C-alpha cells in the first residue's frame, strides 16, 4: 500500500477490492515463503514423504468447528501454490460470512502429500484472521444501535498488519491509521515535554506544520487524558480527539463540550475497553472506539481440515 492511501477510503471499499488494495502481492508471497521455510526447511515434510505415496491424489475440506466470522480465504490459493502448484482450491464461502460449526469453507484437491504439507500454514492464516474478524464482530454487535464505530489500532503482529486490518473489516470494524506514515496521532509522550500553560499554542503551531506536509496526513488526532486537556485541544484544527481511559460520565461531558464548541470534531474513546464496558462507552455519545484487543488478543477461531476418505 502506498503512503498516499487514505485509510478512510479503505473503510468504504467492498472486501474484495479492499484485499487487492491493502495486500501487496509481493509482500504476501514473501510472507508465505517465510512461513513455508520455517515449516519444511530444506528437508521437506518427512512424515508425509514416508507415509503418503507421491502419486496419491485426494481432497480435503476446510471446515469451521466453532461459530464465528470468516477472514482470509484469498490466501488459501496463494499458500497452496507456494507448496504445490498442482493443488486446486475451491472456496465455497466468502470473507465476512457468518460460520456455523460444521460449515464448509473450501475444498483443497490434488496430490495428497502436498495437501498435508500445506495444511498447517493454511490453517494458521485462516484461524488467526478469522479469530480477529470474530472478535471484532462481537464488539460491533455490542454497540449496535449507537452511533459509535469500532476501530482497530497498530497493535498488530509485525508483518501481519495489513492482513489483520483486513480481518477487522471482515468483522465489521474499521481501519484506523495504517502506520506512522499516513496520519498524525499526537500521544501524551509526544507532548510530555510541553508545559501545560503552553500546550494550546504549541499544538496549534505543530498542527499547522503537519497540515502543510506533502502529502498531507489523512487526519490529525490528538490524545488527551483529562477534560482540562480536552478543552484546550478540541477547538484546535484537529479532526479527532482521542479520549484516553475516561469514564462514561467523563465521555458524556466531553461530548457535550464538543457539541457546543466544535461539532465537526470526532471523538474517539480508547483504553481499557472490553466487551463488558464497550456498550456504556458507546452510549456516552462518542463517534469511534479504538480497541487494541481486536488484533493483539483475538483467540484463533477453530477451523480444521478433514481429508475426504
C-alpha atoms as a PDB file:
ATOM      1  CA  UNK A   1       0.000   0.000   0.000  1.00  0.00           C
ATOM      2  CA  UNK A   2       1.334   3.421  -0.884  1.00  0.00           C
ATOM      3  CA  UNK A   3       1.773   6.097   1.798  1.00  0.00           C
ATOM      4  CA  UNK A   4      -0.725   8.319  -0.043  1.00  0.00           C
ATOM      5  CA  UNK A   5      -3.588   5.868   0.543  1.00  0.00           C
ATOM      6  CA  UNK A   6      -6.213   7.455   2.771  1.00  0.00           C
ATOM      7  CA  UNK A   7      -7.207   4.869   5.422  1.00  0.00           C
ATOM      8  CA  UNK A   8     -10.695   6.373   5.428  1.00  0.00           C
ATOM      9  CA  UNK A   9     -11.158   5.178   1.848  1.00  0.00           C
ATOM     10  CA  UNK A  10     -10.409   1.637   2.940  1.00  0.00           C
ATOM     11  CA  UNK A  11     -13.472   1.745   5.159  1.00  0.00           C
ATOM     12  CA  UNK A  12     -15.835   2.201   2.218  1.00  0.00           C
ATOM     13  CA  UNK A  13     -14.427  -0.471  -0.104  1.00  0.00           C
ATOM     14  CA  UNK A  14     -16.025  -3.866  -0.757  1.00  0.00           C
ATOM     15  CA  UNK A  15     -13.925  -6.592   0.866  1.00  0.00           C
ATOM     16  CA  UNK A  16     -12.717  -7.990  -2.457  1.00  0.00           C
ATOM     17  CA  UNK A  17     -11.417  -4.578  -3.530  1.00  0.00           C
ATOM     18  CA  UNK A  18     -10.029  -3.941  -0.060  1.00  0.00           C
ATOM     19  CA  UNK A  19      -7.938  -7.109  -0.162  1.00  0.00           C
ATOM     20  CA  UNK A  20      -6.458  -6.172  -3.531  1.00  0.00           C
ATOM     21  CA  UNK A  21      -5.734  -2.634  -2.317  1.00  0.00           C
ATOM     22  CA  UNK A  22      -4.402  -3.408   1.130  1.00  0.00           C
ATOM     23  CA  UNK A  23      -2.456  -6.623   0.493  1.00  0.00           C
ATOM     24  CA  UNK A  24       0.657  -6.258  -1.620  1.00  0.00           C
ATOM     25  CA  UNK A  25       1.154  -9.420  -3.700  1.00  0.00           C
ATOM     26  CA  UNK A  26       4.940  -9.426  -3.389  1.00  0.00           C
ATOM     27  CA  UNK A  27       4.807  -8.944   0.385  1.00  0.00           C
ATOM     28  CA  UNK A  28       2.219 -11.712   0.638  1.00  0.00           C
ATOM     29  CA  UNK A  29       4.394 -14.101  -1.390  1.00  0.00           C
ATOM     30  CA  UNK A  30       7.355 -13.259   0.851  1.00  0.00           C
ATOM     31  CA  UNK A  31       5.296 -13.852   3.979  1.00  0.00           C
ATOM     32  CA  UNK A  32       4.068 -17.234   2.743  1.00  0.00           C
ATOM     33  CA  UNK A  33       7.564 -18.210   1.638  1.00  0.00           C
ATOM     34  CA  UNK A  34       8.846 -17.387   5.126  1.00  0.00           C
ATOM     35  CA  UNK A  35       6.081 -19.485   6.695  1.00  0.00           C
ATOM     36  CA  UNK A  36       6.871 -22.383   4.375  1.00  0.00           C
ATOM     37  CA  UNK A  37      10.604 -22.173   5.001  1.00  0.00           C
ATOM     38  CA  UNK A  38      10.239 -22.314   8.784  1.00  0.00           C
ATOM     39  CA  UNK A  39       7.879 -25.292   8.430  1.00  0.00           C
ATOM     40  CA  UNK A  40       9.625 -27.556   5.898  1.00  0.00           C
ATOM     41  CA  UNK A  41      13.139 -26.074   5.694  1.00  0.00           C
ATOM     42  CA  UNK A  42      15.329 -27.982   3.177  1.00  0.00           C
ATOM     43  CA  UNK A  43      14.293 -31.427   4.378  1.00  0.00           C
ATOM     44  CA  UNK A  44      10.648 -31.160   3.371  1.00  0.00           C
ATOM     45  CA  UNK A  45       7.754 -32.852   5.139  1.00  0.00           C
ATOM     46  CA  UNK A  46       9.423 -36.015   6.397  1.00  0.00           C
ATOM     47  CA  UNK A  47       6.188 -37.522   7.721  1.00  0.00           C
ATOM     48  CA  UNK A  48       4.190 -37.170   4.512  1.00  0.00           C
ATOM     49  CA  UNK A  49       7.115 -38.223   2.347  1.00  0.00           C
ATOM     50  CA  UNK A  50       7.322 -41.527   4.255  1.00  0.00           C
ATOM     51  CA  UNK A  51       3.660 -42.282   4.863  1.00  0.00           C
ATOM     52  CA  UNK A  52       1.882 -40.863   1.788  1.00  0.00           C
ATOM     53  CA  UNK A  53       2.748 -42.169  -1.704  1.00  0.00           C
ATOM     54  CA  UNK A  54       3.835 -39.349  -4.011  1.00  0.00           C
ATOM     55  CA  UNK A  55       1.374 -40.377  -6.734  1.00  0.00           C
ATOM     56  CA  UNK A  56      -1.668 -40.475  -4.418  1.00  0.00           C
ATOM     57  CA  UNK A  57      -4.280 -37.784  -5.024  1.00  0.00           C
ATOM     58  CA  UNK A  58      -7.211 -36.771  -2.873  1.00  0.00           C
ATOM     59  CA  UNK A  59      -9.181 -33.878  -1.468  1.00  0.00           C
ATOM     60  CA  UNK A  60      -9.725 -32.191   1.875  1.00  0.00           C
ATOM     61  CA  UNK A  61     -12.427 -29.930   3.234  1.00  0.00           C
ATOM     62  CA  UNK A  62     -11.574 -26.806   5.244  1.00  0.00           C
ATOM     63  CA  UNK A  63     -14.375 -26.706   7.808  1.00  0.00           C
ATOM     64  CA  UNK A  64     -15.429 -24.474  10.696  1.00  0.00           C
ATOM     65  CA  UNK A  65     -15.581 -26.144  14.095  1.00  0.00           C
ATOM     66  CA  UNK A  66     -16.870 -23.120  16.013  1.00  0.00           C
ATOM     67  CA  UNK A  67     -19.233 -20.270  15.260  1.00  0.00           C
ATOM     68  CA  UNK A  68     -17.519 -17.135  14.027  1.00  0.00           C
ATOM     69  CA  UNK A  69     -16.759 -14.783  11.155  1.00  0.00           C
ATOM     70  CA  UNK A  70     -14.593 -15.781   8.229  1.00  0.00           C
ATOM     71  CA  UNK A  71     -11.488 -13.940   7.028  1.00  0.00           C
ATOM     72  CA  UNK A  72      -8.509 -14.945   4.919  1.00  0.00           C
ATOM     73  CA  UNK A  73      -9.917 -17.165   2.162  1.00  0.00           C
ATOM     74  CA  UNK A  74      -7.974 -15.352  -0.612  1.00  0.00           C
ATOM     75  CA  UNK A  75      -4.764 -16.634   0.994  1.00  0.00           C
ATOM     76  CA  UNK A  76      -5.649 -20.287   0.517  1.00  0.00           C
ATOM     77  CA  UNK A  77      -4.799 -20.327  -3.187  1.00  0.00           C
ATOM     78  CA  UNK A  78      -1.550 -18.441  -2.566  1.00  0.00           C
ATOM     79  CA  UNK A  79      -0.456 -20.899   0.107  1.00  0.00           C
ATOM     80  CA  UNK A  80      -1.450 -23.907  -1.998  1.00  0.00           C
ATOM     81  CA  UNK A  81       0.508 -22.603  -4.982  1.00  0.00           C
ATOM     82  CA  UNK A  82       3.602 -21.987  -2.850  1.00  0.00           C
ATOM     83  CA  UNK A  83       3.585 -25.615  -1.670  1.00  0.00           C
ATOM     84  CA  UNK A  84       2.488 -27.415  -4.825  1.00  0.00           C
ATOM     85  CA  UNK A  85       1.212 -25.681  -7.994  1.00  0.00           C
ATOM     86  CA  UNK A  86      -0.848 -28.799  -8.721  1.00  0.00           C
ATOM     87  CA  UNK A  87      -3.109 -28.141  -5.735  1.00  0.00           C
ATOM     88  CA  UNK A  88      -6.551 -26.779  -6.559  1.00  0.00           C
ATOM     89  CA  UNK A  89      -8.585 -24.596  -4.205  1.00  0.00           C
ATOM     90  CA  UNK A  90     -12.352 -24.233  -4.464  1.00  0.00           C
ATOM     91  CA  UNK A  91     -13.655 -21.706  -1.940  1.00  0.00           C
ATOM     92  CA  UNK A  92     -17.312 -22.192  -1.087  1.00  0.00           C
ATOM     93  CA  UNK A  93     -17.753 -19.413   1.474  1.00  0.00           C
ATOM     94  CA  UNK A  94     -16.738 -15.762   1.484  1.00  0.00           C
ATOM     95  CA  UNK A  95     -14.876 -13.436   3.800  1.00  0.00           C
ATOM     96  CA  UNK A  96     -17.146 -11.711   6.279  1.00  0.00           C
ATOM     97  CA  UNK A  97     -19.585 -14.631   6.264  1.00  0.00           C
ATOM     98  CA  UNK A  98     -21.044 -15.976   9.489  1.00  0.00           C
ATOM     99  CA  UNK A  99     -19.795 -19.504  10.123  1.00  0.00           C
ATOM    100  CA  UNK A 100     -21.715 -22.201  11.928  1.00  0.00           C
ATOM    101  CA  UNK A 101     -19.961 -25.273  13.357  1.00  0.00           C
ATOM    102  CA  UNK A 102     -19.546 -27.764  10.536  1.00  0.00           C
ATOM    103  CA  UNK A 103     -19.774 -25.171   7.759  1.00  0.00           C
ATOM    104  CA  UNK A 104     -17.599 -25.945   4.732  1.00  0.00           C
ATOM    105  CA  UNK A 105     -15.232 -23.165   3.744  1.00  0.00           C
ATOM    106  CA  UNK A 106     -13.168 -24.631   0.898  1.00  0.00           C
ATOM    107  CA  UNK A 107     -12.078 -27.847  -0.779  1.00  0.00           C
ATOM    108  CA  UNK A 108      -8.395 -28.470  -1.488  1.00  0.00           C
ATOM    109  CA  UNK A 109      -7.656 -31.175  -4.064  1.00  0.00           C
ATOM    110  CA  UNK A 110      -4.586 -32.624  -5.738  1.00  0.00           C
ATOM    111  CA  UNK A 111      -1.545 -34.565  -4.506  1.00  0.00           C
ATOM    112  CA  UNK A 112      -2.404 -35.706  -1.008  1.00  0.00           C
ATOM    113  CA  UNK A 113       1.115 -35.208   0.316  1.00  0.00           C
ATOM    114  CA  UNK A 114       1.002 -31.583  -0.848  1.00  0.00           C
ATOM    115  CA  UNK A 115      -2.318 -31.012   0.907  1.00  0.00           C
ATOM    116  CA  UNK A 116      -0.965 -32.403   4.161  1.00  0.00           C
ATOM    117  CA  UNK A 117       2.223 -30.355   3.947  1.00  0.00           C
ATOM    118  CA  UNK A 118       0.347 -27.097   3.269  1.00  0.00           C
ATOM    119  CA  UNK A 119      -2.396 -27.786   5.826  1.00  0.00           C
ATOM    120  CA  UNK A 120      -0.936 -26.111   8.892  1.00  0.00           C
ATOM    121  CA  UNK A 121       0.171 -22.864   7.254  1.00  0.00           C
ATOM    122  CA  UNK A 122      -3.221 -22.549   5.528  1.00  0.00           C
ATOM    123  CA  UNK A 123      -4.990 -23.020   8.842  1.00  0.00           C
ATOM    124  CA  UNK A 124      -2.598 -20.751  10.728  1.00  0.00           C
ATOM    125  CA  UNK A 125      -3.531 -17.830   8.499  1.00  0.00           C
ATOM    126  CA  UNK A 126      -7.214 -18.678   8.371  1.00  0.00           C
ATOM    127  CA  UNK A 127      -7.737 -19.312  12.088  1.00  0.00           C
ATOM    128  CA  UNK A 128      -5.816 -16.189  13.130  1.00  0.00           C
ATOM    129  CA  UNK A 129      -7.561 -13.839  10.710  1.00  0.00           C
ATOM    130  CA  UNK A 130     -10.984 -15.373  11.338  1.00  0.00           C
ATOM    131  CA  UNK A 131     -10.345 -15.006  15.063  1.00  0.00           C
ATOM    132  CA  UNK A 132      -9.773 -11.284  14.574  1.00  0.00           C
ATOM    133  CA  UNK A 133     -12.914 -10.985  12.447  1.00  0.00           C
ATOM    134  CA  UNK A 134     -14.928 -12.934  15.020  1.00  0.00           C
ATOM    135  CA  UNK A 135     -13.830 -10.839  17.999  1.00  0.00           C
ATOM    136  CA  UNK A 136     -14.347  -7.629  16.022  1.00  0.00           C
ATOM    137  CA  UNK A 137     -17.887  -8.663  15.163  1.00  0.00           C
ATOM    138  CA  UNK A 138     -18.653  -9.295  18.831  1.00  0.00           C
ATOM    139  CA  UNK A 139     -17.704  -5.696  19.596  1.00  0.00           C
ATOM    140  CA  UNK A 140     -19.689  -4.435  16.606  1.00  0.00           C
ATOM    141  CA  UNK A 141     -22.751  -6.318  17.844  1.00  0.00           C
ATOM    142  CA  UNK A 142     -22.235  -4.938  21.348  1.00  0.00           C
ATOM    143  CA  UNK A 143     -22.573  -1.325  20.159  1.00  0.00           C
ATOM    144  CA  UNK A 144     -25.377  -1.963  17.679  1.00  0.00           C
ATOM    145  CA  UNK A 145     -27.925   0.838  17.699  1.00  0.00           C
ATOM    146  CA  UNK A 146     -25.450   3.505  18.808  1.00  0.00           C
ATOM    147  CA  UNK A 147     -23.548   5.959  16.625  1.00  0.00           C
ATOM    148  CA  UNK A 148     -20.158   4.538  17.634  1.00  0.00           C
ATOM    149  CA  UNK A 149     -17.954   2.595  15.239  1.00  0.00           C
ATOM    150  CA  UNK A 150     -15.337   0.066  16.260  1.00  0.00           C
ATOM    151  CA  UNK A 151     -11.768   0.790  15.099  1.00  0.00           C
ATOM    152  CA  UNK A 152      -8.543  -1.177  15.206  1.00  0.00           C
ATOM    153  CA  UNK A 153      -5.080   0.063  16.248  1.00  0.00           C
ATOM    154  CA  UNK A 154      -1.431  -0.504  15.306  1.00  0.00           C
ATOM    155  CA  UNK A 155      -1.156  -3.269  17.923  1.00  0.00           C
ATOM    156  CA  UNK A 156      -0.580  -6.000  15.377  1.00  0.00           C
ATOM    157  CA  UNK A 157       1.932  -8.814  14.936  1.00  0.00           C
ATOM    158  CA  UNK A 158       4.828  -7.430  12.845  1.00  0.00           C
ATOM    159  CA  UNK A 159       4.467  -8.453   9.222  1.00  0.00           C
ATOM    160  CA  UNK A 160       0.754  -9.180   9.547  1.00  0.00           C
ATOM    161  CA  UNK A 161      -0.647  -5.669   9.952  1.00  0.00           C
ATOM    162  CA  UNK A 162      -2.364  -5.330   6.591  1.00  0.00           C
ATOM    163  CA  UNK A 163      -3.890  -8.778   6.881  1.00  0.00           C
ATOM    164  CA  UNK A 164      -5.043  -8.056  10.442  1.00  0.00           C
ATOM    165  CA  UNK A 165      -6.669  -4.798   9.402  1.00  0.00           C
ATOM    166  CA  UNK A 166      -8.364  -6.578   6.526  1.00  0.00           C
ATOM    167  CA  UNK A 167      -9.711  -9.109   9.029  1.00  0.00           C
ATOM    168  CA  UNK A 168     -11.093  -6.306  11.199  1.00  0.00           C
ATOM    169  CA  UNK A 169     -13.048  -5.078   8.198  1.00  0.00           C
ATOM    170  CA  UNK A 170     -14.315  -8.631   7.620  1.00  0.00           C
ATOM    171  CA  UNK A 171     -15.745  -8.479  11.129  1.00  0.00           C
ATOM    172  CA  UNK A 172     -17.495  -5.169  10.522  1.00  0.00           C
ATOM    173  CA  UNK A 173     -14.913  -2.933  12.186  1.00  0.00           C
ATOM    174  CA  UNK A 174     -12.981  -0.046  10.693  1.00  0.00           C
ATOM    175  CA  UNK A 175      -9.350   0.759   9.916  1.00  0.00           C
ATOM    176  CA  UNK A 176      -7.578   3.404  11.943  1.00  0.00           C
ATOM    177  CA  UNK A 177      -4.317   4.733  10.516  1.00  0.00           C
ATOM    178  CA  UNK A 178      -2.307   2.036   8.778  1.00  0.00           C
ATOM    179  CA  UNK A 179       1.096   3.103  10.070  1.00  0.00           C
ATOM    180  CA  UNK A 180       3.031   6.097  11.276  1.00  0.00           C
ATOM    181  CA  UNK A 181       3.219   7.437   7.732  1.00  0.00           C
ATOM    182  CA  UNK A 182      -0.393   8.130   6.758  1.00  0.00           C
ATOM    183  CA  UNK A 183      -1.916  10.110   9.632  1.00  0.00           C
ATOM    184  CA  UNK A 184      -0.954  12.168  12.681  1.00  0.00           C
ATOM    185  CA  UNK A 185      -1.738  10.876  16.157  1.00  0.00           C
ATOM    186  CA  UNK A 186      -0.259  13.025  18.903  1.00  0.00           C
ATOM    187  CA  UNK A 187       0.080  10.843  22.001  1.00  0.00           C
ATOM    188  CA  UNK A 188       0.874  12.005  25.529  1.00  0.00           C
ATOM    189  CA  UNK A 189       4.565  11.157  25.107  1.00  0.00           C
ATOM    190  CA  UNK A 190       4.804  13.462  22.088  1.00  0.00           C
ATOM    191  CA  UNK A 191       3.884  16.448  24.251  1.00  0.00           C
ATOM    192  CA  UNK A 192       5.182  15.354  27.664  1.00  0.00           C
ATOM    193  CA  UNK A 193       7.938  17.964  27.412  1.00  0.00           C
ATOM    194  CA  UNK A 194       5.487  20.828  26.878  1.00  0.00           C
ATOM    195  CA  UNK A 195       4.417  22.841  29.965  1.00  0.00           C
ATOM    196  CA  UNK A 196       0.607  22.736  30.386  1.00  0.00           C
ATOM    197  CA  UNK A 197       0.345  26.520  30.030  1.00  0.00           C
ATOM    198  CA  UNK A 198       1.984  26.311  26.580  1.00  0.00           C
ATOM    199  CA  UNK A 199       0.071  23.277  25.334  1.00  0.00           C
ATOM    200  CA  UNK A 200      -2.574  25.064  23.269  1.00  0.00           C
ATOM    201  CA  UNK A 201      -0.153  27.320  21.404  1.00  0.00           C
ATOM    202  CA  UNK A 202       2.398  24.526  20.923  1.00  0.00           C
ATOM    203  CA  UNK A 203      -0.177  22.212  19.423  1.00  0.00           C
ATOM    204  CA  UNK A 204      -1.591  24.943  17.204  1.00  0.00           C
ATOM    205  CA  UNK A 205       1.852  25.604  15.708  1.00  0.00           C
ATOM    206  CA  UNK A 206       2.713  21.931  15.206  1.00  0.00           C
ATOM    207  CA  UNK A 207      -0.697  21.052  13.765  1.00  0.00           C
ATOM    208  CA  UNK A 208      -0.315  23.804  11.173  1.00  0.00           C
ATOM    209  CA  UNK A 209       3.090  22.362  10.261  1.00  0.00           C
ATOM    210  CA  UNK A 210       1.563  18.894   9.925  1.00  0.00           C
ATOM    211  CA  UNK A 211      -1.205  20.232   7.675  1.00  0.00           C
ATOM    212  CA  UNK A 212       1.442  21.734   5.403  1.00  0.00           C
ATOM    213  CA  UNK A 213       3.225  18.422   4.797  1.00  0.00           C
ATOM    214  CA  UNK A 214       3.146  16.861   1.341  1.00  0.00           C
ATOM    215  CA  UNK A 215       1.378  14.559   1.052  1.00  0.00           C
ATOM    216  CA  UNK A 216      -0.982  15.858   3.683  1.00  0.00           C
ATOM    217  CA  UNK A 217      -1.837  13.442   6.504  1.00  0.00           C
ATOM    218  CA  UNK A 218      -5.165  11.675   6.163  1.00  0.00           C
ATOM    219  CA  UNK A 219      -6.258  13.086   9.509  1.00  0.00           C
ATOM    220  CA  UNK A 220      -4.854  14.749  12.602  1.00  0.00           C
ATOM    221  CA  UNK A 221      -5.738  13.332  16.005  1.00  0.00           C
ATOM    222  CA  UNK A 222      -4.624  14.405  19.473  1.00  0.00           C
ATOM    223  CA  UNK A 223      -4.819  12.271  22.614  1.00  0.00           C
ATOM    224  CA  UNK A 224      -5.912  13.771  25.935  1.00  0.00           C
ATOM    225  CA  UNK A 225      -6.065  12.221  29.392  1.00  0.00           C
ATOM    226  CA  UNK A 226      -8.188  14.801  31.198  1.00  0.00           C
ATOM    227  CA  UNK A 227     -11.154  17.036  30.487  1.00  0.00           C
ATOM    228  CA  UNK A 228      -8.974  20.086  31.154  1.00  0.00           C
ATOM    229  CA  UNK A 229      -6.636  18.985  28.362  1.00  0.00           C
ATOM    230  CA  UNK A 230      -9.624  18.252  26.173  1.00  0.00           C
ATOM    231  CA  UNK A 231     -10.979  21.787  26.490  1.00  0.00           C
ATOM    232  CA  UNK A 232      -7.599  23.142  25.326  1.00  0.00           C
ATOM    233  CA  UNK A 233      -7.462  20.815  22.338  1.00  0.00           C
ATOM    234  CA  UNK A 234     -10.985  20.494  20.958  1.00  0.00           C
ATOM    235  CA  UNK A 235     -11.071  23.947  19.369  1.00  0.00           C
ATOM    236  CA  UNK A 236      -7.778  23.415  17.524  1.00  0.00           C
ATOM    237  CA  UNK A 237      -7.589  22.410  13.859  1.00  0.00           C
ATOM    238  CA  UNK A 238      -7.910  18.699  14.602  1.00  0.00           C
ATOM    239  CA  UNK A 239     -10.054  16.028  13.019  1.00  0.00           C
ATOM    240  CA  UNK A 240     -10.282  13.691  16.004  1.00  0.00           C
ATOM    241  CA  UNK A 241      -9.623  13.903  19.728  1.00  0.00           C
ATOM    242  CA  UNK A 242      -8.710  10.664  21.478  1.00  0.00           C
ATOM    243  CA  UNK A 243     -10.187  10.423  24.982  1.00  0.00           C
ATOM    244  CA  UNK A 244      -7.906   8.017  26.817  1.00  0.00           C
ATOM    245  CA  UNK A 245      -9.156   5.913  29.730  1.00  0.00           C
ATOM    246  CA  UNK A 246     -12.114   8.149  30.550  1.00  0.00           C
ATOM    247  CA  UNK A 247     -15.224   7.000  32.370  1.00  0.00           C
ATOM    248  CA  UNK A 248     -18.622   7.090  30.640  1.00  0.00           C
ATOM    249  CA  UNK A 249     -19.519  10.186  32.696  1.00  0.00           C
ATOM    250  CA  UNK A 250     -16.339  11.948  31.576  1.00  0.00           C
ATOM    251  CA  UNK A 251     -17.030  10.902  27.983  1.00  0.00           C
ATOM    252  CA  UNK A 252     -20.534  12.349  28.149  1.00  0.00           C
ATOM    253  CA  UNK A 253     -19.132  15.635  29.431  1.00  0.00           C
ATOM    254  CA  UNK A 254     -16.578  15.700  26.623  1.00  0.00           C
ATOM    255  CA  UNK A 255     -19.320  15.034  24.073  1.00  0.00           C
ATOM    256  CA  UNK A 256     -21.353  17.953  25.444  1.00  0.00           C
ATOM    257  CA  UNK A 257     -18.337  20.276  25.247  1.00  0.00           C
ATOM    258  CA  UNK A 258     -17.567  19.121  21.712  1.00  0.00           C
ATOM    259  CA  UNK A 259     -21.156  19.577  20.567  1.00  0.00           C
ATOM    260  CA  UNK A 260     -21.098  23.151  21.784  1.00  0.00           C
ATOM    261  CA  UNK A 261     -17.561  24.208  20.844  1.00  0.00           C
ATOM    262  CA  UNK A 262     -16.506  22.145  17.805  1.00  0.00           C
ATOM    263  CA  UNK A 263     -19.289  19.912  16.457  1.00  0.00           C
ATOM    264  CA  UNK A 264     -17.258  18.729  13.435  1.00  0.00           C
ATOM    265  CA  UNK A 265     -14.526  17.169  15.569  1.00  0.00           C
ATOM    266  CA  UNK A 266     -14.861  13.405  16.030  1.00  0.00           C
ATOM    267  CA  UNK A 267     -14.354  11.896  19.474  1.00  0.00           C
ATOM    268  CA  UNK A 268     -12.613   8.569  19.924  1.00  0.00           C
ATOM    269  CA  UNK A 269     -12.560   6.585  23.162  1.00  0.00           C
ATOM    270  CA  UNK A 270      -9.753   4.178  23.924  1.00  0.00           C
ATOM    271  CA  UNK A 271      -8.057   2.433  26.803  1.00  0.00           C
ATOM    272  CA  UNK A 272      -9.399  -0.368  28.943  1.00  0.00           C
ATOM    273  CA  UNK A 273     -12.233  -1.192  26.567  1.00  0.00           C
ATOM    274  CA  UNK A 274     -13.664  -4.699  26.773  1.00  0.00           C
ATOM    275  CA  UNK A 275     -16.908  -6.426  25.867  1.00  0.00           C
ATOM    276  CA  UNK A 276     -18.377  -5.592  29.276  1.00  0.00           C
ATOM    277  CA  UNK A 277     -17.668  -1.863  29.037  1.00  0.00           C
ATOM    278  CA  UNK A 278     -17.942  -1.077  25.338  1.00  0.00           C
ATOM    279  CA  UNK A 279     -21.723  -0.567  25.313  1.00  0.00           C
ATOM    280  CA  UNK A 280     -21.639   2.089  28.044  1.00  0.00           C
ATOM    281  CA  UNK A 281     -18.781   3.834  26.257  1.00  0.00           C
ATOM    282  CA  UNK A 282     -20.732   3.876  23.001  1.00  0.00           C
ATOM    283  CA  UNK A 283     -23.867   5.172  24.711  1.00  0.00           C
ATOM    284  CA  UNK A 284     -21.869   8.119  26.072  1.00  0.00           C
ATOM    285  CA  UNK A 285     -22.017   9.533  22.533  1.00  0.00           C
ATOM    286  CA  UNK A 286     -18.507   9.091  21.152  1.00  0.00           C
ATOM    287  CA  UNK A 287     -18.075   8.534  17.424  1.00  0.00           C
ATOM    288  CA  UNK A 288     -15.279   5.976  17.500  1.00  0.00           C
ATOM    289  CA  UNK A 289     -13.942   3.329  19.886  1.00  0.00           C
ATOM    290  CA  UNK A 290     -10.395   2.098  19.263  1.00  0.00           C
ATOM    291  CA  UNK A 291      -9.625  -1.368  20.642  1.00  0.00           C
ATOM    292  CA  UNK A 292      -6.152  -2.897  20.579  1.00  0.00           C
ATOM    293  CA  UNK A 293      -7.507  -6.281  21.651  1.00  0.00           C
ATOM    294  CA  UNK A 294      -9.067  -6.800  18.226  1.00  0.00           C
ATOM    295  CA  UNK A 295      -5.652  -7.625  16.799  1.00  0.00           C
ATOM    296  CA  UNK A 296      -3.376  -8.351  19.759  1.00  0.00           C
ATOM    297  CA  UNK A 297      -5.653 -10.576  21.834  1.00  0.00           C
ATOM    298  CA  UNK A 298      -8.113 -12.243  19.470  1.00  0.00           C
ATOM    299  CA  UNK A 299      -8.242 -16.023  20.051  1.00  0.00           C
ATOM    300  CA  UNK A 300      -7.919 -18.148  16.936  1.00  0.00           C
ATOM    301  CA  UNK A 301     -11.178 -19.422  15.508  1.00  0.00           C
ATOM    302  CA  UNK A 302     -11.285 -23.223  15.492  1.00  0.00           C
ATOM    303  CA  UNK A 303     -11.120 -24.278  11.823  1.00  0.00           C
ATOM    304  CA  UNK A 304      -9.912 -27.687  10.689  1.00  0.00           C
ATOM    305  CA  UNK A 305      -9.010 -29.617   7.564  1.00  0.00           C
ATOM    306  CA  UNK A 306     -10.597 -33.012   7.018  1.00  0.00           C
ATOM    307  CA  UNK A 307      -9.314 -35.453   4.411  1.00  0.00           C
ATOM    308  CA  UNK A 308     -12.053 -36.852   2.208  1.00  0.00           C
ATOM    309  CA  UNK A 309     -11.796 -40.614   2.711  1.00  0.00           C
END
